[in-house]
Amino acid sequence: MLSQILTHTPMYVWAILAFLMVRGVVALRTREVAMSKLFIIPVVMAVLSLVDVAGKFGLGGLGFAVWAATTLVTVALLATFGAVRIAPAATPGRVIVRGSAFPLVLMMAMFMTRYVSSIAVVVVPQLRADAGFSTAVCVLFGLFSGCFVGRLARDLRAYRGFEVPGNLKVAAHAC
């Protein structure tokens, strides 16, 4: 059965996995990037999770409500209490991003949740209507999306603080 699942997995799924792995490996090292590039992964991950929720459970029911609520709470918590992971770079509009394994782990967890839940609803179609299953999957997707967007929100707050005279030194040492 496992070989059948792997051979019937569309090629675009493996392309998504490769993209996420490359982006996760890049995130392992400290690097200088344009501030605008920090939006790529949070947007991609939020869209992927929303598309999955919509495809499995629809946008009008419990699944979407759970996903949205979990995402919003996670974003609010991380935007408020999350660690600053950026510092100002010498070039305007660019920042130094501290390397971390967290994005790689989070992307792989999200990919696996998406892959396993997709297989589950193909094998047992009734799971689409199961409140427990949809709640569990949508909470996970909400947490994953919220982590990425919340970290971005925290980075944006820190970035705005870099431009206030006197805050530059504090923000640079926060990383």
N, C-alpha and C. Protein backbone atom coordinates (compact mmCIF):
# COMPACT_ATOMS: atom_id res chain seq x y z
N MET A 1 0.82 -1.19 0.00
CA MET A 1 0.00 0.00 0.00
C MET A 1 0.87 1.27 0.00
N LEU A 2 1.98 1.23 0.74
CA LEU A 2 2.87 2.39 0.79
C LEU A 2 3.44 2.70 -0.59
N SER A 3 3.86 1.68 -1.31
CA SER A 3 4.41 1.92 -2.65
C SER A 3 3.34 2.48 -3.58
N GLN A 4 2.11 2.03 -3.41
CA GLN A 4 1.01 2.54 -4.22
C GLN A 4 0.75 4.03 -3.92
N ILE A 5 0.81 4.38 -2.64
CA ILE A 5 0.62 5.78 -2.25
C ILE A 5 1.72 6.64 -2.85
N LEU A 6 2.96 6.21 -2.72
CA LEU A 6 4.09 6.99 -3.23
C LEU A 6 4.07 7.12 -4.75
N THR A 7 3.71 6.05 -5.45
CA THR A 7 3.71 6.11 -6.91
C THR A 7 2.53 6.91 -7.45
N HIS A 8 1.44 7.02 -6.68
CA HIS A 8 0.29 7.79 -7.12
C HIS A 8 0.32 9.25 -6.64
N THR A 9 1.38 9.61 -5.96
CA THR A 9 1.53 10.99 -5.52
C THR A 9 1.93 11.83 -6.73
N PRO A 10 1.18 12.90 -7.00
CA PRO A 10 1.50 13.74 -8.17
C PRO A 10 2.90 14.37 -8.05
N MET A 11 3.52 14.61 -9.18
CA MET A 11 4.87 15.18 -9.21
C MET A 11 4.94 16.55 -8.55
N TYR A 12 3.86 17.35 -8.66
CA TYR A 12 3.92 18.68 -8.06
C TYR A 12 4.08 18.61 -6.54
N VAL A 13 3.63 17.52 -5.91
CA VAL A 13 3.80 17.36 -4.46
C VAL A 13 5.28 17.24 -4.13
N TRP A 14 6.01 16.49 -4.93
CA TRP A 14 7.45 16.36 -4.69
C TRP A 14 8.17 17.67 -4.98
N ALA A 15 7.68 18.43 -5.95
CA ALA A 15 8.26 19.74 -6.24
C ALA A 15 8.05 20.69 -5.06
N ILE A 16 6.88 20.65 -4.46
CA ILE A 16 6.61 21.47 -3.27
C ILE A 16 7.53 21.06 -2.13
N LEU A 17 7.69 19.75 -1.93
CA LEU A 17 8.59 19.27 -0.88
C LEU A 17 10.02 19.75 -1.13
N ALA A 18 10.49 19.67 -2.36
CA ALA A 18 11.84 20.12 -2.69
C ALA A 18 11.99 21.62 -2.43
N PHE A 19 11.01 22.41 -2.84
CA PHE A 19 11.04 23.86 -2.61
C PHE A 19 11.12 24.15 -1.11
N LEU A 20 10.28 23.49 -0.32
CA LEU A 20 10.26 23.72 1.13
C LEU A 20 11.58 23.30 1.77
N MET A 21 12.14 22.19 1.32
CA MET A 21 13.41 21.75 1.88
C MET A 21 14.53 22.75 1.56
N VAL A 22 14.57 23.23 0.34
CA VAL A 22 15.59 24.21 -0.04
C VAL A 22 15.44 25.48 0.79
N ARG A 23 14.21 25.98 0.90
CA ARG A 23 13.98 27.19 1.70
C ARG A 23 14.31 26.95 3.17
N GLY A 24 14.03 25.77 3.68
CA GLY A 24 14.35 25.45 5.07
C GLY A 24 15.84 25.37 5.31
N VAL A 25 16.57 24.80 4.37
CA VAL A 25 18.03 24.71 4.50
C VAL A 25 18.64 26.12 4.42
N VAL A 26 18.13 26.97 3.55
CA VAL A 26 18.60 28.35 3.46
C VAL A 26 18.39 29.06 4.80
N ALA A 27 17.27 28.78 5.45
CA ALA A 27 16.95 29.44 6.73
C ALA A 27 17.85 28.99 7.88
N LEU A 28 18.63 27.95 7.68
CA LEU A 28 19.53 27.48 8.74
C LEU A 28 20.67 28.44 9.02
N ARG A 29 21.06 29.21 8.03
CA ARG A 29 22.21 30.09 8.23
C ARG A 29 21.78 31.56 8.31
N THR A 30 22.53 32.32 9.07
CA THR A 30 22.29 33.75 9.17
C THR A 30 22.61 34.38 7.82
N ARG A 31 21.75 35.28 7.38
CA ARG A 31 21.93 35.85 6.06
C ARG A 31 21.34 37.26 6.00
N GLU A 32 21.77 38.01 5.00
CA GLU A 32 21.21 39.34 4.76
C GLU A 32 20.23 39.23 3.61
N VAL A 33 19.03 39.76 3.80
CA VAL A 33 17.99 39.70 2.77
C VAL A 33 17.23 41.02 2.70
N ALA A 34 16.57 41.22 1.57
CA ALA A 34 15.66 42.35 1.45
C ALA A 34 14.46 42.08 2.34
N MET A 35 13.99 43.09 3.02
CA MET A 35 12.85 42.92 3.93
C MET A 35 11.65 42.32 3.20
N SER A 36 11.46 42.68 1.95
CA SER A 36 10.32 42.17 1.18
C SER A 36 10.37 40.65 1.01
N LYS A 37 11.55 40.06 1.01
CA LYS A 37 11.68 38.60 0.84
C LYS A 37 11.19 37.82 2.05
N LEU A 38 11.08 38.49 3.19
CA LEU A 38 10.59 37.80 4.39
C LEU A 38 9.11 37.43 4.26
N PHE A 39 8.42 37.99 3.29
CA PHE A 39 7.00 37.70 3.09
C PHE A 39 6.77 36.39 2.34
N ILE A 40 7.75 35.91 1.59
CA ILE A 40 7.55 34.77 0.68
C ILE A 40 7.05 33.53 1.40
N ILE A 41 7.79 33.02 2.35
CA ILE A 41 7.42 31.76 3.00
C ILE A 41 6.14 31.89 3.82
N PRO A 42 5.95 32.95 4.62
CA PRO A 42 4.67 33.05 5.34
C PRO A 42 3.46 33.06 4.41
N VAL A 43 3.56 33.79 3.30
CA VAL A 43 2.44 33.83 2.36
C VAL A 43 2.23 32.47 1.71
N VAL A 44 3.31 31.84 1.25
CA VAL A 44 3.19 30.52 0.61
C VAL A 44 2.59 29.51 1.59
N MET A 45 3.07 29.50 2.82
CA MET A 45 2.58 28.51 3.79
C MET A 45 1.13 28.78 4.18
N ALA A 46 0.75 30.04 4.34
CA ALA A 46 -0.65 30.36 4.67
C ALA A 46 -1.58 29.97 3.52
N VAL A 47 -1.16 30.25 2.29
CA VAL A 47 -1.98 29.89 1.13
C VAL A 47 -2.09 28.37 1.01
N LEU A 48 -0.97 27.66 1.16
CA LEU A 48 -1.02 26.20 1.07
C LEU A 48 -1.96 25.61 2.12
N SER A 49 -1.90 26.14 3.33
CA SER A 49 -2.75 25.58 4.38
C SER A 49 -4.22 25.92 4.13
N LEU A 50 -4.49 27.15 3.69
CA LEU A 50 -5.88 27.53 3.42
C LEU A 50 -6.46 26.73 2.26
N VAL A 51 -5.66 26.53 1.22
CA VAL A 51 -6.11 25.72 0.08
C VAL A 51 -6.42 24.30 0.54
N ASP A 52 -5.60 23.76 1.41
CA ASP A 52 -5.83 22.41 1.90
C ASP A 52 -7.09 22.33 2.76
N VAL A 53 -7.28 23.29 3.64
CA VAL A 53 -8.50 23.33 4.47
C VAL A 53 -9.72 23.43 3.57
N ALA A 54 -9.67 24.33 2.59
CA ALA A 54 -10.81 24.50 1.67
C ALA A 54 -11.08 23.23 0.88
N GLY A 55 -10.04 22.58 0.39
CA GLY A 55 -10.20 21.37 -0.40
C GLY A 55 -10.73 20.19 0.39
N LYS A 56 -10.33 20.08 1.64
CA LYS A 56 -10.75 18.94 2.44
C LYS A 56 -12.07 19.16 3.17
N PHE A 57 -12.25 20.39 3.68
CA PHE A 57 -13.38 20.62 4.59
C PHE A 57 -14.27 21.78 4.18
N GLY A 58 -13.91 22.52 3.14
CA GLY A 58 -14.71 23.66 2.70
C GLY A 58 -14.38 24.91 3.51
N LEU A 59 -14.90 26.04 3.04
CA LEU A 59 -14.62 27.31 3.70
C LEU A 59 -15.79 27.82 4.54
N GLY A 60 -16.86 27.04 4.61
CA GLY A 60 -18.03 27.53 5.33
C GLY A 60 -18.34 26.80 6.61
N GLY A 61 -17.51 25.89 7.03
CA GLY A 61 -17.86 25.09 8.19
C GLY A 61 -16.89 25.19 9.34
N LEU A 62 -16.94 24.16 10.15
CA LEU A 62 -16.13 24.08 11.36
C LEU A 62 -14.64 24.14 11.05
N GLY A 63 -14.19 23.42 10.04
CA GLY A 63 -12.77 23.37 9.72
C GLY A 63 -12.19 24.75 9.47
N PHE A 64 -12.85 25.53 8.63
CA PHE A 64 -12.35 26.88 8.35
C PHE A 64 -12.36 27.75 9.59
N ALA A 65 -13.42 27.66 10.38
CA ALA A 65 -13.51 28.47 11.61
C ALA A 65 -12.38 28.12 12.57
N VAL A 66 -12.11 26.83 12.72
CA VAL A 66 -11.02 26.39 13.60
C VAL A 66 -9.68 26.87 13.05
N TRP A 67 -9.46 26.71 11.75
CA TRP A 67 -8.22 27.17 11.13
C TRP A 67 -8.03 28.67 11.35
N ALA A 68 -9.06 29.45 11.04
CA ALA A 68 -8.96 30.91 11.16
C ALA A 68 -8.70 31.33 12.61
N ALA A 69 -9.42 30.76 13.54
CA ALA A 69 -9.24 31.12 14.95
C ALA A 69 -7.85 30.75 15.45
N THR A 70 -7.41 29.56 15.12
CA THR A 70 -6.08 29.12 15.55
C THR A 70 -4.99 29.98 14.92
N THR A 71 -5.14 30.29 13.65
CA THR A 71 -4.17 31.14 12.96
C THR A 71 -4.10 32.52 13.63
N LEU A 72 -5.26 33.13 13.86
CA LEU A 72 -5.28 34.48 14.43
C LEU A 72 -4.69 34.52 15.84
N VAL A 73 -5.03 33.54 16.67
CA VAL A 73 -4.48 33.50 18.03
C VAL A 73 -2.97 33.31 17.99
N THR A 74 -2.50 32.41 17.15
CA THR A 74 -1.07 32.15 17.04
C THR A 74 -0.32 33.39 16.53
N VAL A 75 -0.88 34.06 15.53
CA VAL A 75 -0.28 35.29 15.01
C VAL A 75 -0.19 36.33 16.12
N ALA A 76 -1.28 36.52 16.84
CA ALA A 76 -1.30 37.53 17.91
C ALA A 76 -0.26 37.22 18.98
N LEU A 77 -0.16 35.96 19.37
CA LEU A 77 0.81 35.59 20.40
C LEU A 77 2.25 35.80 19.94
N LEU A 78 2.56 35.34 18.74
CA LEU A 78 3.93 35.48 18.25
C LEU A 78 4.29 36.92 17.91
N ALA A 79 3.33 37.67 17.38
CA ALA A 79 3.59 39.07 17.07
C ALA A 79 3.88 39.86 18.34
N THR A 80 3.25 39.47 19.42
CA THR A 80 3.41 40.17 20.69
C THR A 80 4.59 39.67 21.50
N PHE A 81 4.72 38.34 21.60
CA PHE A 81 5.71 37.76 22.50
C PHE A 81 6.86 37.03 21.81
N GLY A 82 6.83 36.94 20.51
CA GLY A 82 7.87 36.21 19.78
C GLY A 82 9.21 36.92 19.85
N ALA A 83 10.26 36.14 19.70
CA ALA A 83 11.62 36.69 19.73
C ALA A 83 11.92 37.43 18.42
N VAL A 84 12.66 38.50 18.55
CA VAL A 84 13.12 39.23 17.37
C VAL A 84 14.22 38.41 16.73
N ARG A 85 14.10 38.18 15.43
CA ARG A 85 15.09 37.37 14.74
C ARG A 85 15.83 38.14 13.65
N ILE A 86 15.56 39.44 13.58
CA ILE A 86 16.23 40.25 12.56
C ILE A 86 17.00 41.40 13.22
N ALA A 87 17.96 41.91 12.48
CA ALA A 87 18.72 43.08 12.87
C ALA A 87 18.90 43.94 11.63
N PRO A 88 19.11 45.22 11.81
CA PRO A 88 19.28 46.08 10.63
C PRO A 88 20.56 45.75 9.89
N ALA A 89 20.50 45.83 8.58
CA ALA A 89 21.68 45.66 7.74
C ALA A 89 22.20 47.04 7.36
N ALA A 90 23.38 47.10 6.80
CA ALA A 90 23.97 48.39 6.41
C ALA A 90 23.20 49.04 5.26
N THR A 91 22.57 48.22 4.43
CA THR A 91 21.83 48.72 3.28
C THR A 91 20.36 48.94 3.66
N PRO A 92 19.81 50.12 3.36
CA PRO A 92 18.40 50.36 3.67
C PRO A 92 17.49 49.34 2.97
N GLY A 93 16.45 48.91 3.68
CA GLY A 93 15.52 47.94 3.12
C GLY A 93 15.96 46.50 3.26
N ARG A 94 17.13 46.29 3.85
CA ARG A 94 17.65 44.94 4.04
C ARG A 94 17.84 44.69 5.52
N VAL A 95 17.77 43.41 5.90
CA VAL A 95 17.95 43.02 7.30
C VAL A 95 18.84 41.79 7.38
N ILE A 96 19.41 41.59 8.56
CA ILE A 96 20.15 40.38 8.86
C ILE A 96 19.17 39.45 9.57
N VAL A 97 18.97 38.26 9.03
CA VAL A 97 18.05 37.28 9.63
C VAL A 97 18.88 36.19 10.28
N ARG A 98 18.64 35.98 11.56
CA ARG A 98 19.36 34.95 12.30
C ARG A 98 18.95 33.57 11.78
N GLY A 99 19.92 32.71 11.56
CA GLY A 99 19.65 31.35 11.11
C GLY A 99 18.95 30.53 12.17
N SER A 100 18.10 29.62 11.74
CA SER A 100 17.32 28.80 12.67
C SER A 100 16.83 27.55 11.96
N ALA A 101 16.71 26.47 12.72
CA ALA A 101 16.14 25.23 12.19
C ALA A 101 14.61 25.25 12.26
N PHE A 102 14.07 26.21 13.00
CA PHE A 102 12.62 26.26 13.20
C PHE A 102 11.83 26.29 11.88
N PRO A 103 12.17 27.15 10.91
CA PRO A 103 11.41 27.14 9.66
C PRO A 103 11.44 25.79 8.94
N LEU A 104 12.59 25.14 8.92
CA LEU A 104 12.69 23.83 8.26
C LEU A 104 11.80 22.81 8.96
N VAL A 105 11.88 22.76 10.27
CA VAL A 105 11.05 21.82 11.04
C VAL A 105 9.57 22.11 10.81
N LEU A 106 9.21 23.38 10.88
CA LEU A 106 7.81 23.77 10.71
C LEU A 106 7.30 23.45 9.30
N MET A 107 8.12 23.70 8.29
CA MET A 107 7.70 23.40 6.91
C MET A 107 7.55 21.90 6.69
N MET A 108 8.45 21.11 7.25
CA MET A 108 8.34 19.66 7.10
C MET A 108 7.12 19.13 7.86
N ALA A 109 6.86 19.68 9.04
CA ALA A 109 5.68 19.26 9.81
C ALA A 109 4.40 19.61 9.04
N MET A 110 4.37 20.78 8.45
CA MET A 110 3.19 21.17 7.69
C MET A 110 3.03 20.30 6.45
N PHE A 111 4.13 20.04 5.75
CA PHE A 111 4.06 19.18 4.57
C PHE A 111 3.55 17.80 4.94
N MET A 112 4.11 17.23 6.01
CA MET A 112 3.69 15.88 6.42
C MET A 112 2.23 15.84 6.85
N THR A 113 1.78 16.87 7.56
CA THR A 113 0.37 16.94 7.96
C THR A 113 -0.51 16.99 6.72
N ARG A 114 -0.11 17.80 5.77
CA ARG A 114 -0.89 17.92 4.53
C ARG A 114 -0.89 16.60 3.76
N TYR A 115 0.26 15.97 3.65
CA TYR A 115 0.38 14.72 2.90
C TYR A 115 -0.41 13.60 3.57
N VAL A 116 -0.21 13.42 4.86
CA VAL A 116 -0.88 12.33 5.59
C VAL A 116 -2.39 12.55 5.63
N SER A 117 -2.83 13.79 5.87
CA SER A 117 -4.27 14.04 5.92
C SER A 117 -4.90 13.86 4.54
N SER A 118 -4.17 14.18 3.49
CA SER A 118 -4.69 13.97 2.13
C SER A 118 -4.85 12.49 1.84
N ILE A 119 -3.87 11.70 2.24
CA ILE A 119 -3.98 10.26 2.06
C ILE A 119 -5.15 9.71 2.87
N ALA A 120 -5.28 10.19 4.10
CA ALA A 120 -6.35 9.72 4.97
C ALA A 120 -7.73 9.96 4.37
N VAL A 121 -7.97 11.14 3.81
CA VAL A 121 -9.30 11.41 3.24
C VAL A 121 -9.54 10.69 1.92
N VAL A 122 -8.47 10.29 1.25
CA VAL A 122 -8.64 9.48 0.03
C VAL A 122 -9.00 8.04 0.43
N VAL A 123 -8.30 7.53 1.43
CA VAL A 123 -8.53 6.15 1.87
C VAL A 123 -9.87 6.03 2.62
N VAL A 124 -10.17 7.03 3.45
CA VAL A 124 -11.42 7.02 4.25
C VAL A 124 -12.14 8.34 3.99
N PRO A 125 -12.91 8.44 2.92
CA PRO A 125 -13.57 9.71 2.56
C PRO A 125 -14.49 10.28 3.64
N GLN A 126 -15.01 9.44 4.53
CA GLN A 126 -15.89 9.91 5.59
C GLN A 126 -15.18 10.87 6.55
N LEU A 127 -13.86 10.84 6.56
CA LEU A 127 -13.11 11.73 7.45
C LEU A 127 -13.35 13.21 7.14
N ARG A 128 -13.71 13.50 5.90
CA ARG A 128 -14.01 14.90 5.55
C ARG A 128 -15.14 15.46 6.40
N ALA A 129 -16.05 14.61 6.82
CA ALA A 129 -17.20 15.05 7.62
C ALA A 129 -17.01 14.79 9.11
N ASP A 130 -15.89 14.21 9.49
CA ASP A 130 -15.63 13.89 10.90
C ASP A 130 -15.13 15.14 11.63
N ALA A 131 -15.89 15.60 12.62
CA ALA A 131 -15.56 16.84 13.34
C ALA A 131 -14.22 16.73 14.06
N GLY A 132 -13.93 15.60 14.65
CA GLY A 132 -12.66 15.44 15.36
C GLY A 132 -11.47 15.51 14.43
N PHE A 133 -11.59 14.80 13.31
CA PHE A 133 -10.50 14.81 12.33
C PHE A 133 -10.29 16.20 11.76
N SER A 134 -11.38 16.83 11.32
CA SER A 134 -11.24 18.17 10.72
C SER A 134 -10.72 19.17 11.73
N THR A 135 -11.15 19.07 12.97
CA THR A 135 -10.66 19.99 14.00
C THR A 135 -9.17 19.80 14.22
N ALA A 136 -8.74 18.56 14.36
CA ALA A 136 -7.31 18.29 14.60
C ALA A 136 -6.45 18.79 13.43
N VAL A 137 -6.85 18.48 12.22
CA VAL A 137 -6.07 18.90 11.04
C VAL A 137 -6.06 20.42 10.94
N CYS A 138 -7.20 21.05 11.14
CA CYS A 138 -7.28 22.51 10.99
C CYS A 138 -6.56 23.25 12.11
N VAL A 139 -6.54 22.68 13.31
CA VAL A 139 -5.74 23.28 14.39
C VAL A 139 -4.26 23.24 14.00
N LEU A 140 -3.81 22.10 13.50
CA LEU A 140 -2.40 22.01 13.09
C LEU A 140 -2.07 23.01 11.98
N PHE A 141 -2.93 23.07 10.96
CA PHE A 141 -2.68 24.03 9.88
C PHE A 141 -2.73 25.46 10.38
N GLY A 142 -3.62 25.75 11.31
CA GLY A 142 -3.69 27.09 11.89
C GLY A 142 -2.45 27.43 12.69
N LEU A 143 -1.94 26.46 13.44
CA LEU A 143 -0.70 26.68 14.19
C LEU A 143 0.47 26.95 13.25
N PHE A 144 0.58 26.11 12.22
CA PHE A 144 1.69 26.28 11.27
C PHE A 144 1.61 27.64 10.58
N SER A 145 0.45 27.96 10.03
CA SER A 145 0.28 29.25 9.34
C SER A 145 0.51 30.41 10.30
N GLY A 146 -0.05 30.29 11.49
CA GLY A 146 0.09 31.35 12.49
C GLY A 146 1.53 31.56 12.91
N CYS A 147 2.30 30.49 12.99
CA CYS A 147 3.72 30.63 13.34
C CYS A 147 4.46 31.43 12.29
N PHE A 148 4.25 31.11 11.03
CA PHE A 148 4.94 31.83 9.97
C PHE A 148 4.51 33.29 9.90
N VAL A 149 3.20 33.52 9.92
CA VAL A 149 2.70 34.90 9.82
C VAL A 149 3.01 35.68 11.09
N GLY A 150 2.92 35.05 12.25
CA GLY A 150 3.24 35.72 13.50
C GLY A 150 4.69 36.14 13.59
N ARG A 151 5.58 35.27 13.14
CA ARG A 151 7.01 35.63 13.12
C ARG A 151 7.24 36.82 12.17
N LEU A 152 6.55 36.81 11.02
CA LEU A 152 6.66 37.93 10.09
C LEU A 152 6.15 39.21 10.75
N ALA A 153 5.01 39.12 11.42
CA ALA A 153 4.46 40.31 12.10
C ALA A 153 5.44 40.83 13.15
N ARG A 154 6.08 39.93 13.88
CA ARG A 154 7.07 40.36 14.88
C ARG A 154 8.27 41.01 14.20
N ASP A 155 8.70 40.44 13.08
CA ASP A 155 9.80 41.04 12.32
C ASP A 155 9.43 42.44 11.82
N LEU A 156 8.21 42.61 11.36
CA LEU A 156 7.77 43.92 10.87
C LEU A 156 7.76 44.95 12.00
N ARG A 157 7.31 44.55 13.17
CA ARG A 157 7.34 45.45 14.33
C ARG A 157 8.78 45.85 14.65
N ALA A 158 9.67 44.88 14.65
CA ALA A 158 11.08 45.17 14.95
C ALA A 158 11.67 46.09 13.88
N TYR A 159 11.35 45.82 12.63
CA TYR A 159 11.88 46.61 11.52
C TYR A 159 11.45 48.07 11.63
N ARG A 160 10.19 48.29 11.97
CA ARG A 160 9.71 49.66 12.16
C ARG A 160 10.45 50.33 13.31
N GLY A 161 10.81 49.56 14.33
CA GLY A 161 11.55 50.10 15.46
C GLY A 161 12.98 50.47 15.11
N PHE A 162 13.53 49.87 14.07
CA PHE A 162 14.90 50.18 13.67
C PHE A 162 15.01 51.64 13.22
N GLU A 163 13.93 52.15 12.67
CA GLU A 163 13.97 53.49 12.08
C GLU A 163 13.78 54.59 13.12
N VAL A 164 13.45 54.24 14.36
CA VAL A 164 13.28 55.23 15.41
C VAL A 164 14.65 55.51 16.02
N PRO A 165 15.08 56.76 16.01
CA PRO A 165 16.41 57.07 16.57
C PRO A 165 16.52 56.55 18.00
N GLY A 166 17.66 55.96 18.29
CA GLY A 166 17.90 55.42 19.63
C GLY A 166 17.55 53.96 19.76
N ASN A 167 16.69 53.44 18.91
CA ASN A 167 16.29 52.03 18.99
C ASN A 167 17.21 51.12 18.18
N LEU A 168 18.01 51.70 17.32
CA LEU A 168 18.85 50.90 16.43
C LEU A 168 19.76 49.97 17.21
N LYS A 169 20.41 50.48 18.24
CA LYS A 169 21.34 49.66 19.00
C LYS A 169 20.61 48.54 19.73
N VAL A 170 19.45 48.84 20.32
CA VAL A 170 18.69 47.84 21.06
C VAL A 170 18.22 46.73 20.11
N ALA A 171 17.69 47.13 18.96
CA ALA A 171 17.17 46.14 18.01
C ALA A 171 18.29 45.26 17.47
N ALA A 172 19.45 45.83 17.23
CA ALA A 172 20.57 45.04 16.70
C ALA A 172 21.04 43.99 17.68
N HIS A 173 20.97 44.28 18.97
CA HIS A 173 21.43 43.32 19.97
C HIS A 173 20.36 42.30 20.34
N ALA A 174 19.12 42.50 19.89
CA ALA A 174 18.05 41.57 20.20
C ALA A 174 18.24 40.24 19.48
N CYS A 175 18.95 40.25 18.36
CA CYS A 175 19.19 39.01 17.62
C CYS A 175 20.24 38.21 18.32
